[in-house]
Amino acid sequence: MSFQIYRDKWGIPHIRAGSELELAYAQGVNVALDRGWQLEVERLRSKGVSAAALGKEYLEWDKFARRSKLDETAINCFQQLDSDTREWLCEYVKGVNSALGKNKNTAFEKHAIEPQAWEPWTPISVWFSTHILMGGFPSKIWREELIQRLGEQYLDYFTSEDLWRAESNGWYIPPSKTLSGKSIQAGDPHRVIELPCCYQQVHLSCDEYTVLGFAIPGIPGIAHFGHAGSVAWSITNAMADYQDLFFERIYQKGDAYYCQGPKVKSL
């Protein structure tokens, strides 16, 4: 692989490669060197095995991750990718695996663990684990619990936001409205303060394109905030309702499991 990584005075990596696949590999190398511990934690979380390495306080998350089948769903998604996207993802993972463990910090020693190799679908699994709680199902589960405890007539007392009142911070100002004559775009990810940060500022460049923005460690490319010359993008969270809940009664008969239902509820 032929690539170069240059860090400016702020420590921001600027990665240059000849092709898109080489760039994906180089980005994997860079994130493994810069965020090795974070990658290992995210891998453990996405597989639902973090408690084994980090302590019993992570057990509830592990149970949730396994019940939600995050890793299994990621495998299925990976198998459905077109060949070009799958190859791009695999090159990123190859880069991650080539640099894992080369820049360890004290966290590995503290927890007495070694970073493990990533599977080709691990970035998808990490994407699921870092985004699943941004959906609408937690509030739906909360509403159902409230109904069961107090009654449906009390829902409005505990509702602070719904689809009609939801507001967020996504802005675009056209050139005709600015003094500079240039567009202004802004987005708000609605993230809590995290250490390490869930984003990594990076500049990616190859013969096909050049892009600068915030990558998610463990995910190739730049998904949420970035710009590539005359094109820019950002995200925000506007409480979109894209999940449905199904309540089912599951029972075991011999070695098999059966669903008696489902009981469908509109929450």
C-alpha atoms as a PDB file:
ATOM      1  CA  MET A   1       0.000   0.000   0.000  1.00  0.00           C
ATOM      2  CA  SER A   2       1.227   3.465  -0.906  1.00  0.00           C
ATOM      3  CA  PHE A   3       0.041   6.333   1.295  1.00  0.00           C
ATOM      4  CA  GLN A   4       1.271   9.245   3.391  1.00  0.00           C
ATOM      5  CA  ILE A   5       0.051  10.547   6.764  1.00  0.00           C
ATOM      6  CA  TYR A   6       0.969  14.088   7.718  1.00  0.00           C
ATOM      7  CA  ARG A   7      -0.090  15.731  10.995  1.00  0.00           C
ATOM      8  CA  ASP A   8      -0.394  19.480  11.224  1.00  0.00           C
ATOM      9  CA  LYS A   9       0.450  21.556  14.309  1.00  0.00           C
ATOM     10  CA  TRP A  10      -2.942  20.716  15.846  1.00  0.00           C
ATOM     11  CA  GLY A  11      -2.323  16.986  15.417  1.00  0.00           C
ATOM     12  CA  ILE A  12      -4.995  16.593  12.739  1.00  0.00           C
ATOM     13  CA  PRO A  13      -4.064  13.776  10.325  1.00  0.00           C
ATOM     14  CA  HIS A  14      -3.938  14.524   6.595  1.00  0.00           C
ATOM     15  CA  ILE A  15      -3.945  11.249   4.679  1.00  0.00           C
ATOM     16  CA  ARG A  16      -3.020  10.986   1.012  1.00  0.00           C
ATOM     17  CA  ALA A  17      -3.203   7.832  -1.110  1.00  0.00           C
ATOM     18  CA  GLY A  18      -3.255   7.044  -4.804  1.00  0.00           C
ATOM     19  CA  SER A  19      -6.628   5.303  -4.951  1.00  0.00           C
ATOM     20  CA  GLU A  20      -9.828   5.107  -2.946  1.00  0.00           C
ATOM     21  CA  LEU A  21      -9.046   1.578  -1.716  1.00  0.00           C
ATOM     22  CA  GLU A  22      -5.540   2.589  -0.623  1.00  0.00           C
ATOM     23  CA  LEU A  23      -7.068   5.561   1.174  1.00  0.00           C
ATOM     24  CA  ALA A  24      -9.527   3.312   3.025  1.00  0.00           C
ATOM     25  CA  TYR A  25      -6.612   1.133   4.143  1.00  0.00           C
ATOM     26  CA  ALA A  26      -4.620   4.193   5.265  1.00  0.00           C
ATOM     27  CA  GLN A  27      -7.570   5.580   7.228  1.00  0.00           C
ATOM     28  CA  GLY A  28      -7.816   2.229   9.027  1.00  0.00           C
ATOM     29  CA  VAL A  29      -4.112   2.357   9.882  1.00  0.00           C
ATOM     30  CA  ASN A  30      -4.406   5.908  11.185  1.00  0.00           C
ATOM     31  CA  VAL A  31      -7.423   5.311  13.419  1.00  0.00           C
ATOM     32  CA  ALA A  32      -5.818   2.196  14.915  1.00  0.00           C
ATOM     33  CA  LEU A  33      -2.727   4.231  15.815  1.00  0.00           C
ATOM     34  CA  ASP A  34      -4.688   7.194  17.181  1.00  0.00           C
ATOM     35  CA  ARG A  35      -7.695   5.497  18.795  1.00  0.00           C
ATOM     36  CA  GLY A  36      -6.632   1.902  19.451  1.00  0.00           C
ATOM     37  CA  TRP A  37      -8.262   1.685  22.900  1.00  0.00           C
ATOM     38  CA  GLN A  38     -11.463   3.277  21.654  1.00  0.00           C
ATOM     39  CA  LEU A  39     -11.624   0.780  18.778  1.00  0.00           C
ATOM     40  CA  GLU A  40     -11.255  -2.161  21.146  1.00  0.00           C
ATOM     41  CA  VAL A  41     -13.971  -0.863  23.475  1.00  0.00           C
ATOM     42  CA  GLU A  42     -16.350  -0.293  20.557  1.00  0.00           C
ATOM     43  CA  ARG A  43     -15.631  -3.763  19.190  1.00  0.00           C
ATOM     44  CA  LEU A  44     -16.388  -5.332  22.579  1.00  0.00           C
ATOM     45  CA  ARG A  45     -19.587  -3.288  22.932  1.00  0.00           C
ATOM     46  CA  SER A  46     -20.854  -4.125  19.468  1.00  0.00           C
ATOM     47  CA  LYS A  47     -20.400  -7.851  20.142  1.00  0.00           C
ATOM     48  CA  GLY A  48     -21.967  -7.626  23.586  1.00  0.00           C
ATOM     49  CA  VAL A  49     -18.911  -8.917  25.467  1.00  0.00           C
ATOM     50  CA  SER A  50     -17.593  -5.718  27.092  1.00  0.00           C
ATOM     51  CA  ALA A  51     -18.355  -6.833  30.663  1.00  0.00           C
ATOM     52  CA  ALA A  52     -15.847  -9.678  30.388  1.00  0.00           C
ATOM     53  CA  ALA A  53     -13.025  -7.155  29.915  1.00  0.00           C
ATOM     54  CA  LEU A  54     -14.309  -3.980  31.567  1.00  0.00           C
ATOM     55  CA  GLY A  55     -16.392  -5.150  34.520  1.00  0.00           C
ATOM     56  CA  LYS A  56     -19.892  -6.147  35.519  1.00  0.00           C
ATOM     57  CA  GLU A  57     -21.225  -2.588  35.238  1.00  0.00           C
ATOM     58  CA  TYR A  58     -21.215  -3.149  31.457  1.00  0.00           C
ATOM     59  CA  LEU A  59     -23.372  -6.273  31.692  1.00  0.00           C
ATOM     60  CA  GLU A  60     -26.707  -4.554  31.033  1.00  0.00           C
ATOM     61  CA  TRP A  61     -25.389  -3.073  27.813  1.00  0.00           C
ATOM     62  CA  ASP A  62     -24.034  -6.471  26.743  1.00  0.00           C
ATOM     63  CA  LYS A  63     -27.409  -8.100  27.297  1.00  0.00           C
ATOM     64  CA  PHE A  64     -29.085  -5.371  25.279  1.00  0.00           C
ATOM     65  CA  ALA A  65     -26.549  -5.667  22.427  1.00  0.00           C
ATOM     66  CA  ARG A  66     -27.026  -9.433  22.219  1.00  0.00           C
ATOM     67  CA  ARG A  67     -30.790  -9.313  22.441  1.00  0.00           C
ATOM     68  CA  SER A  68     -30.796  -6.661  19.725  1.00  0.00           C
ATOM     69  CA  LYS A  69     -28.500  -8.883  17.623  1.00  0.00           C
ATOM     70  CA  LEU A  70     -26.247  -6.000  16.643  1.00  0.00           C
ATOM     71  CA  ASP A  71     -23.381  -8.170  15.426  1.00  0.00           C
ATOM     72  CA  GLU A  72     -25.639 -10.701  13.699  1.00  0.00           C
ATOM     73  CA  THR A  73     -27.447  -7.900  11.876  1.00  0.00           C
ATOM     74  CA  ALA A  74     -24.105  -6.411  10.829  1.00  0.00           C
ATOM     75  CA  ILE A  75     -23.050  -9.754   9.319  1.00  0.00           C
ATOM     76  CA  ASN A  76     -26.286  -9.932   7.368  1.00  0.00           C
ATOM     77  CA  CYS A  77     -25.863  -6.343   6.133  1.00  0.00           C
ATOM     78  CA  PHE A  78     -22.268  -7.009   5.099  1.00  0.00           C
ATOM     79  CA  GLN A  79     -23.359  -9.981   3.010  1.00  0.00           C
ATOM     80  CA  GLN A  80     -25.891  -7.794   1.198  1.00  0.00           C
ATOM     81  CA  LEU A  81     -23.401  -5.083   0.207  1.00  0.00           C
ATOM     82  CA  ASP A  82     -22.412  -4.698  -3.421  1.00  0.00           C
ATOM     83  CA  SER A  83     -18.934  -5.947  -4.241  1.00  0.00           C
ATOM     84  CA  ASP A  84     -17.324  -2.497  -4.507  1.00  0.00           C
ATOM     85  CA  THR A  85     -18.598  -1.337  -1.105  1.00  0.00           C
ATOM     86  CA  ARG A  86     -17.634  -4.637   0.498  1.00  0.00           C
ATOM     87  CA  GLU A  87     -14.104  -4.346  -0.910  1.00  0.00           C
ATOM     88  CA  TRP A  88     -13.835  -0.751   0.366  1.00  0.00           C
ATOM     89  CA  LEU A  89     -14.927  -1.847   3.836  1.00  0.00           C
ATOM     90  CA  CYS A  90     -12.511  -4.775   3.837  1.00  0.00           C
ATOM     91  CA  GLU A  91      -9.564  -2.534   2.964  1.00  0.00           C
ATOM     92  CA  TYR A  92     -10.381  -0.296   5.914  1.00  0.00           C
ATOM     93  CA  VAL A  93     -10.500  -3.307   8.238  1.00  0.00           C
ATOM     94  CA  LYS A  94      -7.199  -4.593   6.835  1.00  0.00           C
ATOM     95  CA  GLY A  95      -5.657  -1.234   7.709  1.00  0.00           C
ATOM     96  CA  VAL A  96      -7.081  -1.370  11.237  1.00  0.00           C
ATOM     97  CA  ASN A  97      -5.762  -4.887  11.801  1.00  0.00           C
ATOM     98  CA  SER A  98      -2.309  -4.046  10.437  1.00  0.00           C
ATOM     99  CA  ALA A  99      -1.820  -1.316  13.073  1.00  0.00           C
ATOM    100  CA  LEU A 100      -3.679  -2.719  16.102  1.00  0.00           C
ATOM    101  CA  GLY A 101      -1.457  -2.900  19.161  1.00  0.00           C
ATOM    102  CA  LYS A 102       1.333  -0.776  17.687  1.00  0.00           C
ATOM    103  CA  ASN A 103       0.445   2.241  19.789  1.00  0.00           C
ATOM    104  CA  LYS A 104      -0.941   0.893  23.061  1.00  0.00           C
ATOM    105  CA  ASN A 105      -1.847   3.099  25.999  1.00  0.00           C
ATOM    106  CA  THR A 106      -2.074   2.334  29.696  1.00  0.00           C
ATOM    107  CA  ALA A 107      -5.734   1.297  29.420  1.00  0.00           C
ATOM    108  CA  PHE A 108      -4.704  -1.995  27.813  1.00  0.00           C
ATOM    109  CA  GLU A 109      -2.347  -2.715  30.696  1.00  0.00           C
ATOM    110  CA  LYS A 110      -4.899  -1.621  33.304  1.00  0.00           C
ATOM    111  CA  HIS A 111      -7.511  -4.062  32.016  1.00  0.00           C
ATOM    112  CA  ALA A 112      -4.972  -6.730  31.017  1.00  0.00           C
ATOM    113  CA  ILE A 113      -6.375  -7.213  27.536  1.00  0.00           C
ATOM    114  CA  GLU A 114      -4.921  -7.350  24.048  1.00  0.00           C
ATOM    115  CA  PRO A 115      -6.698  -5.735  21.081  1.00  0.00           C
ATOM    116  CA  GLN A 116      -8.320  -8.369  18.891  1.00  0.00           C
ATOM    117  CA  ALA A 117      -8.532  -8.425  15.105  1.00  0.00           C
ATOM    118  CA  TRP A 118     -11.603  -6.932  13.465  1.00  0.00           C
ATOM    119  CA  GLU A 119     -13.944  -8.896  11.236  1.00  0.00           C
ATOM    120  CA  PRO A 120     -14.898  -7.425   7.828  1.00  0.00           C
ATOM    121  CA  TRP A 121     -18.333  -6.474   9.193  1.00  0.00           C
ATOM    122  CA  THR A 122     -17.123  -4.970  12.499  1.00  0.00           C
ATOM    123  CA  PRO A 123     -17.426  -1.342  11.255  1.00  0.00           C
ATOM    124  CA  ILE A 124     -21.129  -1.958  10.526  1.00  0.00           C
ATOM    125  CA  SER A 125     -21.590  -3.516  13.956  1.00  0.00           C
ATOM    126  CA  VAL A 126     -19.888  -0.512  15.579  1.00  0.00           C
ATOM    127  CA  TRP A 127     -22.110   1.821  13.552  1.00  0.00           C
ATOM    128  CA  PHE A 128     -25.187   0.057  14.951  1.00  0.00           C
ATOM    129  CA  SER A 129     -23.968   0.136  18.550  1.00  0.00           C
ATOM    130  CA  THR A 130     -23.142   3.867  18.418  1.00  0.00           C
ATOM    131  CA  HIS A 131     -26.450   4.850  16.794  1.00  0.00           C
ATOM    132  CA  ILE A 132     -29.109   2.473  18.050  1.00  0.00           C
ATOM    133  CA  LEU A 133     -30.053   4.570  21.079  1.00  0.00           C
ATOM    134  CA  MET A 134     -30.574   7.606  18.848  1.00  0.00           C
ATOM    135  CA  GLY A 135     -33.784   6.036  17.513  1.00  0.00           C
ATOM    136  CA  GLY A 136     -37.288   6.413  18.855  1.00  0.00           C
ATOM    137  CA  PHE A 137     -37.790   3.021  20.479  1.00  0.00           C
ATOM    138  CA  PRO A 138     -36.460   3.975  23.979  1.00  0.00           C
ATOM    139  CA  SER A 139     -39.172   6.623  24.308  1.00  0.00           C
ATOM    140  CA  LYS A 140     -41.766   4.125  23.081  1.00  0.00           C
ATOM    141  CA  ILE A 141     -40.693   1.610  25.707  1.00  0.00           C
ATOM    142  CA  TRP A 142     -40.864   4.384  28.312  1.00  0.00           C
ATOM    143  CA  ARG A 143     -44.394   5.295  27.216  1.00  0.00           C
ATOM    144  CA  GLU A 144     -45.515   1.678  27.497  1.00  0.00           C
ATOM    145  CA  GLU A 145     -44.017   1.404  30.975  1.00  0.00           C
ATOM    146  CA  LEU A 146     -45.806   4.598  31.998  1.00  0.00           C
ATOM    147  CA  ILE A 147     -49.123   3.294  30.691  1.00  0.00           C
ATOM    148  CA  GLN A 148     -48.682   0.049  32.591  1.00  0.00           C
ATOM    149  CA  ARG A 149     -47.746   1.837  35.839  1.00  0.00           C
ATOM    150  CA  LEU A 150     -50.044   4.867  35.860  1.00  0.00           C
ATOM    151  CA  GLY A 151     -52.442   4.649  32.945  1.00  0.00           C
ATOM    152  CA  GLU A 152     -52.672   6.175  29.488  1.00  0.00           C
ATOM    153  CA  GLN A 153     -54.356   9.310  30.821  1.00  0.00           C
ATOM    154  CA  TYR A 154     -51.033  10.381  32.409  1.00  0.00           C
ATOM    155  CA  LEU A 155     -48.977  10.331  29.188  1.00  0.00           C
ATOM    156  CA  ASP A 156     -49.263  14.073  28.552  1.00  0.00           C
ATOM    157  CA  TYR A 157     -47.875  14.853  32.006  1.00  0.00           C
ATOM    158  CA  PHE A 158     -44.572  13.219  31.085  1.00  0.00           C
ATOM    159  CA  THR A 159     -44.279  14.280  27.439  1.00  0.00           C
ATOM    160  CA  SER A 160     -41.713  16.973  26.719  1.00  0.00           C
ATOM    161  CA  GLU A 161     -41.261  16.451  22.993  1.00  0.00           C
ATOM    162  CA  ASP A 162     -43.146  14.813  20.152  1.00  0.00           C
ATOM    163  CA  LEU A 163     -43.022  14.801  16.367  1.00  0.00           C
ATOM    164  CA  TRP A 164     -45.010  18.037  16.164  1.00  0.00           C
ATOM    165  CA  ARG A 165     -42.960  19.981  18.692  1.00  0.00           C
ATOM    166  CA  ALA A 166     -39.555  18.493  17.979  1.00  0.00           C
ATOM    167  CA  GLU A 167     -36.979  21.095  17.055  1.00  0.00           C
ATOM    168  CA  SER A 168     -33.334  20.842  16.211  1.00  0.00           C
ATOM    169  CA  ASN A 169     -30.408  22.878  14.982  1.00  0.00           C
ATOM    170  CA  GLY A 170     -29.888  22.370  11.281  1.00  0.00           C
ATOM    171  CA  TRP A 171     -29.166  25.547   9.355  1.00  0.00           C
ATOM    172  CA  TYR A 172     -28.401  26.512   5.784  1.00  0.00           C
ATOM    173  CA  ILE A 173     -27.980  30.142   4.720  1.00  0.00           C
ATOM    174  CA  PRO A 174     -27.691  30.733   0.954  1.00  0.00           C
ATOM    175  CA  PRO A 175     -25.037  33.027  -0.548  1.00  0.00           C
ATOM    176  CA  SER A 176     -27.639  35.712  -1.252  1.00  0.00           C
ATOM    177  CA  LYS A 177     -28.150  36.166   2.514  1.00  0.00           C
ATOM    178  CA  THR A 178     -24.517  36.422   3.656  1.00  0.00           C
ATOM    179  CA  LEU A 179     -22.046  39.323   3.593  1.00  0.00           C
ATOM    180  CA  SER A 180     -19.327  37.110   2.180  1.00  0.00           C
ATOM    181  CA  GLY A 181     -21.492  35.821  -0.652  1.00  0.00           C
ATOM    182  CA  LYS A 182     -20.740  32.251   0.454  1.00  0.00           C
ATOM    183  CA  SER A 183     -23.073  29.649   1.896  1.00  0.00           C
ATOM    184  CA  ILE A 184     -23.154  28.856   5.607  1.00  0.00           C
ATOM    185  CA  GLN A 185     -24.204  25.428   6.835  1.00  0.00           C
ATOM    186  CA  ALA A 186     -24.379  24.139  10.399  1.00  0.00           C
ATOM    187  CA  GLY A 187     -25.629  21.026  12.148  1.00  0.00           C
ATOM    188  CA  ASP A 188     -25.922  19.830  15.732  1.00  0.00           C
ATOM    189  CA  PRO A 189     -25.223  16.143  16.487  1.00  0.00           C
ATOM    190  CA  HIS A 190     -26.890  16.292  19.938  1.00  0.00           C
ATOM    191  CA  ARG A 191     -24.085  14.263  21.507  1.00  0.00           C
ATOM    192  CA  VAL A 192     -23.054  14.205  25.135  1.00  0.00           C
ATOM    193  CA  ILE A 193     -19.475  15.117  26.011  1.00  0.00           C
ATOM    194  CA  GLU A 194     -17.338  12.005  25.626  1.00  0.00           C
ATOM    195  CA  LEU A 195     -13.690  11.166  26.199  1.00  0.00           C
ATOM    196  CA  PRO A 196     -12.393  10.071  23.794  1.00  0.00           C
ATOM    197  CA  CYS A 197     -14.650  11.984  21.444  1.00  0.00           C
ATOM    198  CA  CYS A 198     -16.965  10.004  19.181  1.00  0.00           C
ATOM    199  CA  TYR A 199     -15.501  11.945  16.239  1.00  0.00           C
ATOM    200  CA  GLN A 200     -12.018  12.240  14.768  1.00  0.00           C
ATOM    201  CA  GLN A 201     -11.135  15.184  12.567  1.00  0.00           C
ATOM    202  CA  VAL A 202      -9.350  13.971   9.455  1.00  0.00           C
ATOM    203  CA  HIS A 203      -8.440  15.039   5.917  1.00  0.00           C
ATOM    204  CA  LEU A 204      -8.729  12.283   3.286  1.00  0.00           C
ATOM    205  CA  SER A 205      -7.335  12.680  -0.206  1.00  0.00           C
ATOM    206  CA  CYS A 206      -6.877  10.413  -3.225  1.00  0.00           C
ATOM    207  CA  ASP A 207      -6.981  10.756  -7.017  1.00  0.00           C
ATOM    208  CA  GLU A 208     -10.788  10.442  -6.988  1.00  0.00           C
ATOM    209  CA  TYR A 209     -11.599  13.068  -4.336  1.00  0.00           C
ATOM    210  CA  THR A 210     -10.511  15.178  -1.364  1.00  0.00           C
ATOM    211  CA  VAL A 211     -12.689  15.469   1.743  1.00  0.00           C
ATOM    212  CA  LEU A 212     -12.229  17.042   5.163  1.00  0.00           C
ATOM    213  CA  GLY A 213     -14.445  16.510   8.200  1.00  0.00           C
ATOM    214  CA  PHE A 214     -15.253  14.356  11.213  1.00  0.00           C
ATOM    215  CA  ALA A 215     -14.952  10.599  10.910  1.00  0.00           C
ATOM    216  CA  ILE A 216     -16.370   8.160  13.455  1.00  0.00           C
ATOM    217  CA  PRO A 217     -13.519   5.978  14.776  1.00  0.00           C
ATOM    218  CA  GLY A 218     -14.134   2.485  13.459  1.00  0.00           C
ATOM    219  CA  ILE A 219     -16.174   3.665  10.452  1.00  0.00           C
ATOM    220  CA  PRO A 220     -14.496   4.360   7.081  1.00  0.00           C
ATOM    221  CA  GLY A 221     -15.054   7.640   5.303  1.00  0.00           C
ATOM    222  CA  ILE A 222     -16.665  10.782   6.702  1.00  0.00           C
ATOM    223  CA  ALA A 223     -20.342  10.304   7.445  1.00  0.00           C
ATOM    224  CA  HIS A 224     -21.791  13.094   9.597  1.00  0.00           C
ATOM    225  CA  PHE A 225     -19.900  16.354   9.027  1.00  0.00           C
ATOM    226  CA  GLY A 226     -17.632  17.180   6.135  1.00  0.00           C
ATOM    227  CA  HIS A 227     -16.962  19.107   2.966  1.00  0.00           C
ATOM    228  CA  ALA A 228     -15.412  18.277  -0.370  1.00  0.00           C
ATOM    229  CA  GLY A 229     -14.761  21.522  -2.186  1.00  0.00           C
ATOM    230  CA  SER A 230     -18.126  22.939  -3.228  1.00  0.00           C
ATOM    231  CA  VAL A 231     -20.167  20.261  -1.438  1.00  0.00           C
ATOM    232  CA  ALA A 232     -20.759  20.124   2.341  1.00  0.00           C
ATOM    233  CA  TRP A 233     -22.998  18.101   4.630  1.00  0.00           C
ATOM    234  CA  SER A 234     -23.968  17.844   8.277  1.00  0.00           C
ATOM    235  CA  ILE A 235     -26.521  16.057  10.439  1.00  0.00           C
ATOM    236  CA  THR A 236     -28.818  16.810  13.321  1.00  0.00           C
ATOM    237  CA  ASN A 237     -31.348  14.829  15.320  1.00  0.00           C
ATOM    238  CA  ALA A 238     -35.001  15.680  14.691  1.00  0.00           C
ATOM    239  CA  MET A 239     -36.663  12.744  16.515  1.00  0.00           C
ATOM    240  CA  ALA A 240     -37.587  10.838  13.350  1.00  0.00           C
ATOM    241  CA  ASP A 241     -39.926   7.900  13.966  1.00  0.00           C
ATOM    242  CA  TYR A 242     -38.551   4.992  11.970  1.00  0.00           C
ATOM    243  CA  GLN A 243     -38.985   2.060  14.387  1.00  0.00           C
ATOM    244  CA  ASP A 244     -41.998  -0.078  15.294  1.00  0.00           C
ATOM    245  CA  LEU A 245     -42.310  -2.228  18.423  1.00  0.00           C
ATOM    246  CA  PHE A 246     -43.859  -5.680  18.533  1.00  0.00           C
ATOM    247  CA  PHE A 247     -44.714  -7.344  21.829  1.00  0.00           C
ATOM    248  CA  GLU A 248     -44.482 -11.140  21.533  1.00  0.00           C
ATOM    249  CA  ARG A 249     -44.881 -14.016  23.946  1.00  0.00           C
ATOM    250  CA  ILE A 250     -42.046 -16.498  23.359  1.00  0.00           C
ATOM    251  CA  TYR A 251     -42.180 -20.021  24.758  1.00  0.00           C
ATOM    252  CA  GLN A 252     -39.917 -23.043  24.537  1.00  0.00           C
ATOM    253  CA  LYS A 253     -40.989 -26.499  23.402  1.00  0.00           C
ATOM    254  CA  GLY A 254     -38.131 -28.968  23.526  1.00  0.00           C
ATOM    255  CA  ASP A 255     -35.132 -27.372  21.871  1.00  0.00           C
ATOM    256  CA  ALA A 256     -37.234 -24.989  19.781  1.00  0.00           C
ATOM    257  CA  TYR A 257     -38.671 -21.543  20.519  1.00  0.00           C
ATOM    258  CA  TYR A 258     -42.061 -20.334  19.324  1.00  0.00           C
ATOM    259  CA  CYS A 259     -43.769 -16.940  19.182  1.00  0.00           C
ATOM    260  CA  GLN A 260     -47.341 -16.789  20.345  1.00  0.00           C
ATOM    261  CA  GLY A 261     -48.516 -13.597  18.723  1.00  0.00           C
ATOM    262  CA  PRO A 262     -47.390 -10.994  17.988  1.00  0.00           C
ATOM    263  CA  LYS A 263     -49.385  -8.541  20.025  1.00  0.00           C
ATOM    264  CA  VAL A 264     -48.960  -5.357  18.008  1.00  0.00           C
ATOM    265  CA  LYS A 265     -49.260  -2.022  19.784  1.00  0.00           C
ATOM    266  CA  SER A 266     -49.102   1.480  18.398  1.00  0.00           C
ATOM    267  CA  LEU A 267     -47.017   3.582  20.762  1.00  0.00           C
END
